[in-house]
Structures are given as structure tokens and as C-alpha cells.
PDB file of N, CA and C in Angstrom:
ATOM      1  N   MET A   1      61.844 -73.460   5.576  1.00  0.00           N
ATOM      2  CA  MET A   1      61.462 -71.927   5.566  1.00  0.00           C
ATOM      3  C   MET A   1      60.429 -72.422   5.027  1.00  0.00           C
ATOM      4  N   ALA A   2      59.564 -71.751   5.643  1.00  0.00           N
ATOM      5  CA  ALA A   2      57.791 -71.509   3.615  1.00  0.00           C
ATOM      6  C   ALA A   2      58.175 -70.544   3.547  1.00  0.00           C
ATOM      7  N   ASP A   3      57.333 -71.123   2.239  1.00  0.00           N
ATOM      8  CA  ASP A   3      57.498 -69.725   1.021  1.00  0.00           C
ATOM      9  C   ASP A   3      56.427 -68.875   1.316  1.00  0.00           C
ATOM     10  N   ALA A   4      56.253 -67.811   0.773  1.00  0.00           N
ATOM     11  CA  ALA A   4      55.749 -66.906   0.222  1.00  0.00           C
ATOM     12  C   ALA A   4      54.691 -67.068   0.486  1.00  0.00           C
ATOM     13  N   PRO A   5      53.440 -66.420   0.859  1.00  0.00           N
ATOM     14  CA  PRO A   5      52.122 -67.021  -0.007  1.00  0.00           C
ATOM     15  C   PRO A   5      51.532 -66.920  -0.383  1.00  0.00           C
ATOM     16  N   GLN A   6      50.859 -67.239  -1.559  1.00  0.00           N
ATOM     17  CA  GLN A   6      50.685 -66.864  -3.408  1.00  0.00           C
ATOM     18  C   GLN A   6      49.297 -66.193  -3.415  1.00  0.00           C
ATOM     19  N   PRO A   7      49.317 -65.469  -4.083  1.00  0.00           N
ATOM     20  CA  PRO A   7      47.479 -64.733  -3.542  1.00  0.00           C
ATOM     21  C   PRO A   7      46.746 -65.435  -4.944  1.00  0.00           C
ATOM     22  N   PRO A   8      45.601 -64.617  -4.492  1.00  0.00           N
ATOM     23  CA  PRO A   8      44.418 -65.266  -4.890  1.00  0.00           C
ATOM     24  C   PRO A   8      44.430 -66.111  -6.287  1.00  0.00           C
ATOM     25  N   GLU A   9      44.431 -67.583  -6.592  1.00  0.00           N
ATOM     26  CA  GLU A   9      44.340 -68.273  -8.197  1.00  0.00           C
ATOM     27  C   GLU A   9      43.201 -67.348  -8.915  1.00  0.00           C
ATOM     28  N   GLY A  10      43.725 -66.149 -10.453  1.00  0.00           N
ATOM     29  CA  GLY A  10      42.726 -65.258 -11.130  1.00  0.00           C
ATOM     30  C   GLY A  10      43.614 -64.498 -10.559  1.00  0.00           C
ATOM     31  N   THR A  11      44.621 -63.768  -9.247  1.00  0.00           N
ATOM     32  CA  THR A  11      45.379 -62.575  -8.848  1.00  0.00           C
ATOM     33  C   THR A  11      46.417 -61.982  -9.268  1.00  0.00           C
ATOM     34  N   ASP A  12      47.030 -63.156  -9.276  1.00  0.00           N
ATOM     35  CA  ASP A  12      48.528 -63.233 -10.279  1.00  0.00           C
ATOM     36  C   ASP A  12      48.570 -62.438 -11.092  1.00  0.00           C
ATOM     37  N   GLY A  13      49.868 -61.461 -10.871  1.00  0.00           N
ATOM     38  CA  GLY A  13      50.497 -60.224 -12.038  1.00  0.00           C
ATOM     39  C   GLY A  13      50.172 -58.998 -11.329  1.00  0.00           C
ATOM     40  N   PRO A  14      50.889 -58.274 -12.549  1.00  0.00           N
ATOM     41  CA  PRO A  14      50.764 -56.798 -11.762  1.00  0.00           C
ATOM     42  C   PRO A  14      49.512 -56.018 -10.669  1.00  0.00           C
ATOM     43  N   GLU A  15      48.783 -55.570 -11.825  1.00  0.00           N
ATOM     44  CA  GLU A  15      47.552 -55.132 -11.062  1.00  0.00           C
ATOM     45  C   GLU A  15      46.756 -56.028  -9.609  1.00  0.00           C
ATOM     46  N   ALA A  16      48.359 -56.940  -9.437  1.00  0.00           N
ATOM     47  CA  ALA A  16      47.414 -57.620  -7.610  1.00  0.00           C
ATOM     48  C   ALA A  16      48.284 -56.846  -6.812  1.00  0.00           C
ATOM     49  N   SER A  17      48.867 -56.503  -7.288  1.00  0.00           N
ATOM     50  CA  SER A  17      50.343 -56.463  -5.830  1.00  0.00           C
ATOM     51  C   SER A  17      49.333 -54.076  -5.996  1.00  0.00           C
ATOM     52  N   VAL A  18      49.528 -54.230  -4.915  1.00  0.00           N
ATOM     53  CA  VAL A  18      49.277 -52.699  -3.783  1.00  0.00           C
ATOM     54  C   VAL A  18      50.201 -52.366  -4.104  1.00  0.00           C
ATOM     55  N   SER A  19      50.212 -50.178  -4.563  1.00  0.00           N
ATOM     56  CA  SER A  19      51.007 -50.025  -5.111  1.00  0.00           C
ATOM     57  C   SER A  19      51.764 -49.311  -3.578  1.00  0.00           C
ATOM     58  N   PHE A  20      52.612 -48.621  -3.212  1.00  0.00           N
ATOM     59  CA  PHE A  20      53.187 -47.465  -1.526  1.00  0.00           C
ATOM     60  C   PHE A  20      52.146 -46.092  -1.775  1.00  0.00           C
ATOM     61  N   SER A  21      51.394 -45.835  -2.502  1.00  0.00           N
ATOM     62  CA  SER A  21      50.739 -44.790  -2.731  1.00  0.00           C
ATOM     63  C   SER A  21      49.070 -45.809  -1.703  1.00  0.00           C
ATOM     64  N   GLU A  22      49.045 -46.570  -1.940  1.00  0.00           N
ATOM     65  CA  GLU A  22      47.676 -47.256  -2.224  1.00  0.00           C
ATOM     66  C   GLU A  22      47.321 -48.010  -0.940  1.00  0.00           C
ATOM     67  N   PHE A  23      48.710 -48.081  -0.307  1.00  0.00           N
ATOM     68  CA  PHE A  23      49.128 -48.542   1.058  1.00  0.00           C
ATOM     69  C   PHE A  23      48.886 -47.712   1.891  1.00  0.00           C
ATOM     70  N   VAL A  24      49.587 -46.334   1.644  1.00  0.00           N
ATOM     71  CA  VAL A  24      49.222 -45.691   2.777  1.00  0.00           C
ATOM     72  C   VAL A  24      47.596 -44.898   2.179  1.00  0.00           C
ATOM     73  N   LEU A  25      47.502 -44.969   1.050  1.00  0.00           N
ATOM     74  CA  LEU A  25      45.719 -44.561   1.490  1.00  0.00           C
ATOM     75  C   LEU A  25      45.448 -44.904   2.057  1.00  0.00           C
ATOM     76  N   GLY A  26      45.322 -46.681   1.946  1.00  0.00           N
ATOM     77  CA  GLY A  26      44.323 -47.487   2.943  1.00  0.00           C
ATOM     78  C   GLY A  26      44.406 -46.968   4.708  1.00  0.00           C
ATOM     79  N   LEU A  27      46.083 -47.234   5.120  1.00  0.00           N
ATOM     80  CA  LEU A  27      46.308 -46.338   6.292  1.00  0.00           C
ATOM     81  C   LEU A  27      45.621 -45.462   6.370  1.00  0.00           C
ATOM     82  N   GLY A  28      45.879 -44.333   5.872  1.00  0.00           N
ATOM     83  CA  GLY A  28      44.993 -42.840   5.240  1.00  0.00           C
ATOM     84  C   GLY A  28      43.378 -43.553   6.378  1.00  0.00           C
ATOM     85  N   ALA A  29      43.571 -43.476   4.569  1.00  0.00           N
ATOM     86  CA  ALA A  29      41.409 -44.154   5.059  1.00  0.00           C
ATOM     87  C   ALA A  29      40.850 -44.474   6.523  1.00  0.00           C
ATOM     88  N   ASN A  30      42.302 -46.168   6.726  1.00  0.00           N
ATOM     89  CA  ASN A  30      41.252 -45.764   8.585  1.00  0.00           C
ATOM     90  C   ASN A  30      41.523 -45.150   9.590  1.00  0.00           C
ATOM     91  N   ALA A  31      42.807 -44.466   9.482  1.00  0.00           N
ATOM     92  CA  ALA A  31      42.697 -43.316  10.202  1.00  0.00           C
ATOM     93  C   ALA A  31      41.514 -42.579  10.285  1.00  0.00           C
ATOM     94  N   ALA A  32      41.258 -42.040   9.683  1.00  0.00           N
ATOM     95  CA  ALA A  32      40.135 -40.501   9.292  1.00  0.00           C
ATOM     96  C   ALA A  32      38.501 -41.397   9.101  1.00  0.00           C
ATOM     97  N   HIS A  33      37.999 -42.623   9.281  1.00  0.00           N
ATOM     98  CA  HIS A  33      37.571 -43.036   9.906  1.00  0.00           C
ATOM     99  C   HIS A  33      37.286 -43.132  10.745  1.00  0.00           C
ATOM    100  N   MET A  34      38.430 -43.360  11.472  1.00  0.00           N
ATOM    101  CA  MET A  34      38.301 -43.274  12.958  1.00  0.00           C
ATOM    102  C   MET A  34      38.399 -41.668  13.168  1.00  0.00           C
ATOM    103  N   LEU A  35      37.948 -40.334  12.807  1.00  0.00           N
ATOM    104  CA  LEU A  35      38.630 -39.908  13.468  1.00  0.00           C
ATOM    105  C   LEU A  35      37.037 -38.838  12.737  1.00  0.00           C
ATOM    106  N   GLY A  36      36.662 -39.645  11.730  1.00  0.00           N
ATOM    107  CA  GLY A  36      35.294 -39.547  11.395  1.00  0.00           C
ATOM    108  C   GLY A  36      34.813 -39.059  10.080  1.00  0.00           C
ATOM    109  N   ALA A  37      35.895 -39.200   9.905  1.00  0.00           N
ATOM    110  CA  ALA A  37      36.706 -38.448   8.943  1.00  0.00           C
ATOM    111  C   ALA A  37      35.494 -36.781   8.583  1.00  0.00           C
ATOM    112  N   ASP A  38      34.987 -36.789   7.556  1.00  0.00           N
ATOM    113  CA  ASP A  38      34.169 -35.419   6.994  1.00  0.00           C
ATOM    114  C   ASP A  38      33.737 -34.494   7.433  1.00  0.00           C
ATOM    115  N   ASP A  39      32.490 -35.516   9.181  1.00  0.00           N
ATOM    116  CA  ASP A  39      31.268 -35.633  10.605  1.00  0.00           C
ATOM    117  C   ASP A  39      32.115 -34.760  10.401  1.00  0.00           C
ATOM    118  N   ASP A  40      31.947 -33.088  11.236  1.00  0.00           N
ATOM    119  CA  ASP A  40      31.466 -31.964  12.325  1.00  0.00           C
ATOM    120  C   ASP A  40      32.070 -32.976  13.188  1.00  0.00           C
ATOM    121  N   ALA A  41      33.299 -31.772  13.166  1.00  0.00           N
ATOM    122  CA  ALA A  41      34.169 -32.480  15.038  1.00  0.00           C
ATOM    123  C   ALA A  41      33.296 -33.185  16.574  1.00  0.00           C
ATOM    124  N   GLN A  42      32.048 -31.428  16.647  1.00  0.00           N
ATOM    125  CA  GLN A  42      31.744 -32.297  17.956  1.00  0.00           C
ATOM    126  C   GLN A  42      31.117 -33.137  17.516  1.00  0.00           C
ATOM    127  N   GLU A  43      30.328 -33.807  16.854  1.00  0.00           N
ATOM    128  CA  GLU A  43      29.333 -35.512  16.383  1.00  0.00           C
ATOM    129  C   GLU A  43      30.062 -36.487  16.179  1.00  0.00           C
ATOM    130  N   VAL A  44      31.220 -35.974  15.903  1.00  0.00           N
ATOM    131  CA  VAL A  44      32.885 -37.604  15.882  1.00  0.00           C
ATOM    132  C   VAL A  44      32.953 -37.310  17.370  1.00  0.00           C
ATOM    133  N   ALA A  45      32.959 -36.487  18.159  1.00  0.00           N
ATOM    134  CA  ALA A  45      34.181 -37.018  19.773  1.00  0.00           C
ATOM    135  C   ALA A  45      32.941 -37.335  20.230  1.00  0.00           C
ATOM    136  N   ALA A  46      31.950 -37.700  20.363  1.00  0.00           N
ATOM    137  CA  ALA A  46      31.673 -38.936  21.435  1.00  0.00           C
ATOM    138  C   ALA A  46      31.625 -40.601  21.103  1.00  0.00           C
ATOM    139  N   ARG A  47      32.071 -40.607  19.757  1.00  0.00           N
ATOM    140  CA  ARG A  47      32.153 -42.266  18.620  1.00  0.00           C
ATOM    141  C   ARG A  47      33.894 -42.071  17.492  1.00  0.00           C
ATOM    142  N   ALA A  48      34.558 -41.282  18.058  1.00  0.00           N
ATOM    143  CA  ALA A  48      36.216 -41.151  18.290  1.00  0.00           C
ATOM    144  C   ALA A  48      36.449 -41.912  18.193  1.00  0.00           C
ATOM    145  N   ASP A  49      37.765 -42.803  17.735  1.00  0.00           N
ATOM    146  CA  ASP A  49      38.789 -44.038  18.659  1.00  0.00           C
ATOM    147  C   ASP A  49      39.432 -43.091  18.318  1.00  0.00           C
ATOM    148  N   LEU A  50      40.260 -42.192  19.309  1.00  0.00           N
ATOM    149  CA  LEU A  50      41.541 -42.086  18.864  1.00  0.00           C
ATOM    150  C   LEU A  50      42.989 -42.364  19.314  1.00  0.00           C
ATOM    151  N   LEU A  51      42.851 -43.263  20.482  1.00  0.00           N
ATOM    152  CA  LEU A  51      43.504 -44.785  20.315  1.00  0.00           C
ATOM    153  C   LEU A  51      43.918 -45.594  18.809  1.00  0.00           C
ATOM    154  N   THR A  52      43.131 -45.604  18.204  1.00  0.00           N
ATOM    155  CA  THR A  52      43.519 -46.128  16.814  1.00  0.00           C
ATOM    156  C   THR A  52      43.964 -45.231  15.861  1.00  0.00           C
ATOM    157  N   ALA A  53      43.164 -44.346  15.905  1.00  0.00           N
ATOM    158  CA  ALA A  53      43.668 -43.236  14.996  1.00  0.00           C
ATOM    159  C   ALA A  53      45.290 -42.284  15.109  1.00  0.00           C
ATOM    160  N   ALA A  54      45.287 -42.796  16.462  1.00  0.00           N
ATOM    161  CA  ALA A  54      46.770 -42.244  16.331  1.00  0.00           C
ATOM    162  C   ALA A  54      47.997 -43.471  15.953  1.00  0.00           C
ATOM    163  N   GLN A  55      46.757 -44.824  16.968  1.00  0.00           N
ATOM    164  CA  GLN A  55      47.897 -45.514  16.259  1.00  0.00           C
ATOM    165  C   GLN A  55      48.278 -45.757  14.104  1.00  0.00           C
ATOM    166  N   HIS A  56      47.239 -45.766  13.514  1.00  0.00           N
ATOM    167  CA  HIS A  56      47.720 -45.651  12.407  1.00  0.00           C
ATOM    168  C   HIS A  56      48.499 -44.593  11.838  1.00  0.00           C
ATOM    169  N   ILE A  57      48.200 -42.833  12.893  1.00  0.00           N
ATOM    170  CA  ILE A  57      48.876 -42.155  12.235  1.00  0.00           C
ATOM    171  C   ILE A  57      50.624 -41.907  12.531  1.00  0.00           C
ATOM    172  N   ASP A  58      50.225 -43.274  13.559  1.00  0.00           N
ATOM    173  CA  ASP A  58      52.276 -43.048  13.930  1.00  0.00           C
ATOM    174  C   ASP A  58      52.447 -44.347  13.541  1.00  0.00           C
ATOM    175  N   ILE A  59      52.066 -45.095  12.707  1.00  0.00           N
ATOM    176  CA  ILE A  59      52.498 -46.255  11.555  1.00  0.00           C
ATOM    177  C   ILE A  59      52.920 -45.378  10.160  1.00  0.00           C
ATOM    178  N   LEU A  60      52.085 -44.427  10.136  1.00  0.00           N
ATOM    179  CA  LEU A  60      52.236 -43.742   8.383  1.00  0.00           C
ATOM    180  C   LEU A  60      53.186 -42.518   8.801  1.00  0.00           C
ATOM    181  N   ALA A  61      53.558 -41.975   9.936  1.00  0.00           N
ATOM    182  CA  ALA A  61      55.718 -41.171   9.885  1.00  0.00           C
ATOM    183  C   ALA A  61      56.482 -42.554  10.231  1.00  0.00           C
ATOM    184  N   MET A  62      55.965 -43.662  11.234  1.00  0.00           N
ATOM    185  CA  MET A  62      57.082 -44.278  10.750  1.00  0.00           C
ATOM    186  C   MET A  62      57.484 -44.095   9.576  1.00  0.00           C
ATOM    187  N   LEU A  63      56.503 -45.230   8.492  1.00  0.00           N
ATOM    188  CA  LEU A  63      56.524 -45.605   7.367  1.00  0.00           C
ATOM    189  C   LEU A  63      57.148 -44.136   6.578  1.00  0.00           C
ATOM    190  N   GLN A  64      57.353 -42.831   6.861  1.00  0.00           N
ATOM    191  CA  GLN A  64      57.983 -41.671   5.825  1.00  0.00           C
ATOM    192  C   GLN A  64      59.131 -41.636   7.119  1.00  0.00           C
ATOM    193  N   HIS A  65      59.312 -41.794   7.777  1.00  0.00           N
ATOM    194  CA  HIS A  65      61.096 -41.693   8.345  1.00  0.00           C
ATOM    195  C   HIS A  65      61.647 -43.142   7.565  1.00  0.00           C
ATOM    196  N   LYS A  66      60.927 -43.903   7.914  1.00  0.00           N
ATOM    197  CA  LYS A  66      62.115 -45.407   7.316  1.00  0.00           C
ATOM    198  C   LYS A  66      61.926 -45.528   5.411  1.00  0.00           C
ATOM    199  N   THR A  67      61.295 -45.454   5.110  1.00  0.00           N
ATOM    200  CA  THR A  67      61.743 -43.927   3.477  1.00  0.00           C
ATOM    201  C   THR A  67      62.007 -43.372   3.144  1.00  0.00           C
ATOM    202  N   ARG A  68      62.323 -41.987   4.007  1.00  0.00           N
ATOM    203  CA  ARG A  68      63.179 -40.514   3.352  1.00  0.00           C
ATOM    204  C   ARG A  68      64.280 -41.161   2.634  1.00  0.00           C
ATOM    205  N   GLY A  69      64.667 -40.371   1.259  1.00  0.00           N
ATOM    206  CA  GLY A  69      65.514 -40.449   0.458  1.00  0.00           C
ATOM    207  C   GLY A  69      65.059 -42.080  -0.966  1.00  0.00           C
ATOM    208  N   ASN A  70      63.606 -43.465  -0.182  1.00  0.00           N
ATOM    209  CA  ASN A  70      63.603 -43.821  -1.020  1.00  0.00           C
ATOM    210  C   ASN A  70      62.113 -43.912  -1.595  1.00  0.00           C
ATOM    211  N   LEU A  71      61.639 -42.597  -1.849  1.00  0.00           N
ATOM    212  CA  LEU A  71      59.993 -42.067  -2.248  1.00  0.00           C
ATOM    213  C   LEU A  71      60.228 -40.984  -3.833  1.00  0.00           C
ATOM    214  N   ASP A  72      59.883 -40.907  -4.638  1.00  0.00           N
ATOM    215  CA  ASP A  72      59.457 -40.493  -5.559  1.00  0.00           C
ATOM    216  C   ASP A  72      58.987 -39.384  -5.037  1.00  0.00           C
ATOM    217  N   GLU A  73      58.634 -37.889  -5.532  1.00  0.00           N
ATOM    218  CA  GLU A  73      58.218 -36.947  -5.450  1.00  0.00           C
ATOM    219  C   GLU A  73      56.464 -37.004  -5.094  1.00  0.00           C
ATOM    220  N   ASP A  74      55.438 -38.137  -5.004  1.00  0.00           N
ATOM    221  CA  ASP A  74      54.816 -37.757  -5.618  1.00  0.00           C
ATOM    222  C   ASP A  74      54.318 -38.960  -4.132  1.00  0.00           C
ATOM    223  N   GLU A  75      54.671 -39.555  -4.225  1.00  0.00           N
ATOM    224  CA  GLU A  75      54.629 -40.748  -2.698  1.00  0.00           C
ATOM    225  C   GLU A  75      55.244 -39.276  -1.419  1.00  0.00           C
ATOM    226  N   GLN A  76      56.310 -39.120  -1.534  1.00  0.00           N
ATOM    227  CA  GLN A  76      56.155 -38.998  -0.424  1.00  0.00           C
ATOM    228  C   GLN A  76      56.134 -36.898  -0.066  1.00  0.00           C
ATOM    229  N   LYS A  77      55.171 -36.496  -1.406  1.00  0.00           N
ATOM    230  CA  LYS A  77      54.513 -35.035  -0.662  1.00  0.00           C
ATOM    231  C   LYS A  77      52.912 -36.124  -0.529  1.00  0.00           C
ATOM    232  N   LEU A  78      52.376 -37.472  -1.243  1.00  0.00           N
ATOM    233  CA  LEU A  78      50.880 -37.329  -0.596  1.00  0.00           C
ATOM    234  C   LEU A  78      51.598 -38.702   0.843  1.00  0.00           C
ATOM    235  N   LEU A  79      52.109 -38.562   0.669  1.00  0.00           N
ATOM    236  CA  LEU A  79      52.742 -38.919   2.805  1.00  0.00           C
ATOM    237  C   LEU A  79      52.868 -37.883   4.249  1.00  0.00           C
ATOM    238  N   GLU A  80      53.335 -36.679   3.950  1.00  0.00           N
ATOM    239  CA  GLU A  80      53.321 -35.484   4.036  1.00  0.00           C
ATOM    240  C   GLU A  80      52.204 -35.043   4.058  1.00  0.00           C
ATOM    241  N   SER A  81      51.536 -34.794   2.863  1.00  0.00           N
ATOM    242  CA  SER A  81      50.013 -34.169   2.881  1.00  0.00           C
ATOM    243  C   SER A  81      48.769 -34.900   4.056  1.00  0.00           C
ATOM    244  N   MET A  82      49.596 -36.197   3.792  1.00  0.00           N
ATOM    245  CA  MET A  82      48.005 -37.196   4.677  1.00  0.00           C
ATOM    246  C   MET A  82      48.360 -37.227   5.829  1.00  0.00           C
ATOM    247  N   LEU A  83      49.982 -37.607   6.696  1.00  0.00           N
ATOM    248  CA  LEU A  83      50.319 -36.862   7.608  1.00  0.00           C
ATOM    249  C   LEU A  83      49.615 -35.200   8.502  1.00  0.00           C
ATOM    250  N   TYR A  84      49.285 -34.345   7.995  1.00  0.00           N
ATOM    251  CA  TYR A  84      49.822 -33.070   8.130  1.00  0.00           C
ATOM    252  C   TYR A  84      47.947 -33.133   8.901  1.00  0.00           C
ATOM    253  N   ASP A  85      46.936 -33.251   6.949  1.00  0.00           N
ATOM    254  CA  ASP A  85      45.789 -33.655   8.436  1.00  0.00           C
ATOM    255  C   ASP A  85      44.713 -34.427   8.696  1.00  0.00           C
ATOM    256  N   LEU A  86      46.091 -35.611   8.680  1.00  0.00           N
ATOM    257  CA  LEU A  86      45.207 -36.896   9.875  1.00  0.00           C
ATOM    258  C   LEU A  86      46.063 -35.875  11.021  1.00  0.00           C
ATOM    259  N   ARG A  87      46.683 -35.116  11.580  1.00  0.00           N
ATOM    260  CA  ARG A  87      47.175 -34.981  12.568  1.00  0.00           C
ATOM    261  C   ARG A  87      46.331 -33.568  12.908  1.00  0.00           C
ATOM    262  N   MET A  88      45.931 -32.738  11.886  1.00  0.00           N
ATOM    263  CA  MET A  88      45.430 -32.126  12.162  1.00  0.00           C
ATOM    264  C   MET A  88      43.903 -32.073  12.653  1.00  0.00           C
ATOM    265  N   ARG A  89      43.726 -33.720  12.328  1.00  0.00           N
ATOM    266  CA  ARG A  89      42.130 -33.871  13.111  1.00  0.00           C
ATOM    267  C   ARG A  89      42.033 -34.571  13.672  1.00  0.00           C
ATOM    268  N   TYR A  90      42.583 -35.027  14.218  1.00  0.00           N
ATOM    269  CA  TYR A  90      43.339 -35.814  15.470  1.00  0.00           C
ATOM    270  C   TYR A  90      43.485 -34.530  16.227  1.00  0.00           C
ATOM    271  N   LEU A  91      43.970 -33.466  16.210  1.00  0.00           N
ATOM    272  CA  LEU A  91      43.983 -32.487  17.260  1.00  0.00           C
ATOM    273  C   LEU A  91      42.235 -31.961  17.766  1.00  0.00           C
ATOM    274  N   GLU A  92      41.568 -31.291  16.134  1.00  0.00           N
ATOM    275  CA  GLU A  92      40.312 -30.733  16.395  1.00  0.00           C
ATOM    276  C   GLU A  92      39.350 -32.358  16.940  1.00  0.00           C
ATOM    277  N   VAL A  93      39.302 -33.191  16.724  1.00  0.00           N
ATOM    278  CA  VAL A  93      38.556 -34.382  17.478  1.00  0.00           C
ATOM    279  C   VAL A  93      38.540 -34.432  18.984  1.00  0.00           C
ATOM    280  N   ALA A  94      39.978 -34.740  18.864  1.00  0.00           N
ATOM    281  CA  ALA A  94      40.851 -34.401  20.614  1.00  0.00           C
ATOM    282  C   ALA A  94      40.042 -33.481  20.951  1.00  0.00           C
ATOM    283  N   ARG A  95      40.645 -32.503  21.394  1.00  0.00           N
ATOM    284  CA  ARG A  95      39.358 -30.865  21.730  1.00  0.00           C
ATOM    285  C   ARG A  95      38.268 -30.691  21.490  1.00  0.00           C
ATOM    286  N   ALA A  96      37.686 -31.464  20.613  1.00  0.00           N
ATOM    287  CA  ALA A  96      35.621 -31.641  21.588  1.00  0.00           C
ATOM    288  C   ALA A  96      35.643 -32.754  21.789  1.00  0.00           C
ATOM    289  N   GLN A  97      36.558 -34.185  22.458  1.00  0.00           N
ATOM    290  CA  GLN A  97      35.983 -34.585  23.015  1.00  0.00           C
ATOM    291  C   GLN A  97      36.298 -33.740  24.437  1.00  0.00           C
ATOM    292  N   ARG A  98      37.550 -33.363  24.642  1.00  0.00           N
ATOM    293  CA  ARG A  98      37.960 -32.812  26.293  1.00  0.00           C
ATOM    294  C   ARG A  98      37.049 -31.896  26.126  1.00  0.00           C
ATOM    295  N   ASP A  99      36.407 -30.971  25.118  1.00  0.00           N
ATOM    296  CA  ASP A  99      35.315 -29.509  25.828  1.00  0.00           C
ATOM    297  C   ASP A  99      34.389 -30.422  26.206  1.00  0.00           C
ATOM    298  N   ARG A 100      34.180 -31.691  25.504  1.00  0.00           N
ATOM    299  CA  ARG A 100      32.528 -32.644  25.555  1.00  0.00           C
ATOM    300  C   ARG A 100      32.760 -32.956  26.990  1.00  0.00           C
ATOM    301  N   ALA A 101      33.905 -33.488  27.585  1.00  0.00           N
ATOM    302  CA  ALA A 101      33.940 -33.879  29.217  1.00  0.00           C
ATOM    303  C   ALA A 101      33.530 -32.854  30.103  1.00  0.00           C
TER     304      ALA A 101
END
């Protein structure tokens, strides 16, 4: 069996690892980008990628389910609030896309 990949030279140590919160924030940022982040939902409707956003939201929901009981309070709140915000934004953009059709 192959050894685990090694980090690039000069990046070893605690600062090179990604925390759970950073990982969640990265996934959330990608989903938000697919939904137009802070743009107006009507403007975003034409270019939003709802499929990719939904996949990222589903991954976050799966992480929430699989890590239940193993997160600290801050991580749990981050995941819950991010999922809520992304789901609401998804609905807003999906509604705007439907109304444009």
C-alpha cells in the first residue's frame, strides 16, 4: 500500500493542516459562489449553477450527519448556520430562475 501523500516542502507542521472549520468554510464558499454570493437573486438567476451548489450543500449536510456528536459547539454552529444560509439562498435563486422561465 502506498504511503500517504506528503505536504510540499516547507509546509509541514501544524499550520499546514486544514481545520474542520476551514474545510467547511471552503465548501460553503464554493456553494455560495455558485449561487452568486451577495449578488441580487434576479441578476444571478441567469448564471447560477444550482446543480453544483446543491452538490456542495449535500456534502455539507452529509458532513453534519456523519460528524454529529463529534464536533465542538463552534463547529456545530458554523455548520448549522452555513447550511441554513445556503439552503435559503438556494431557494431564493431557484425561485428567481423559475420566475424568469
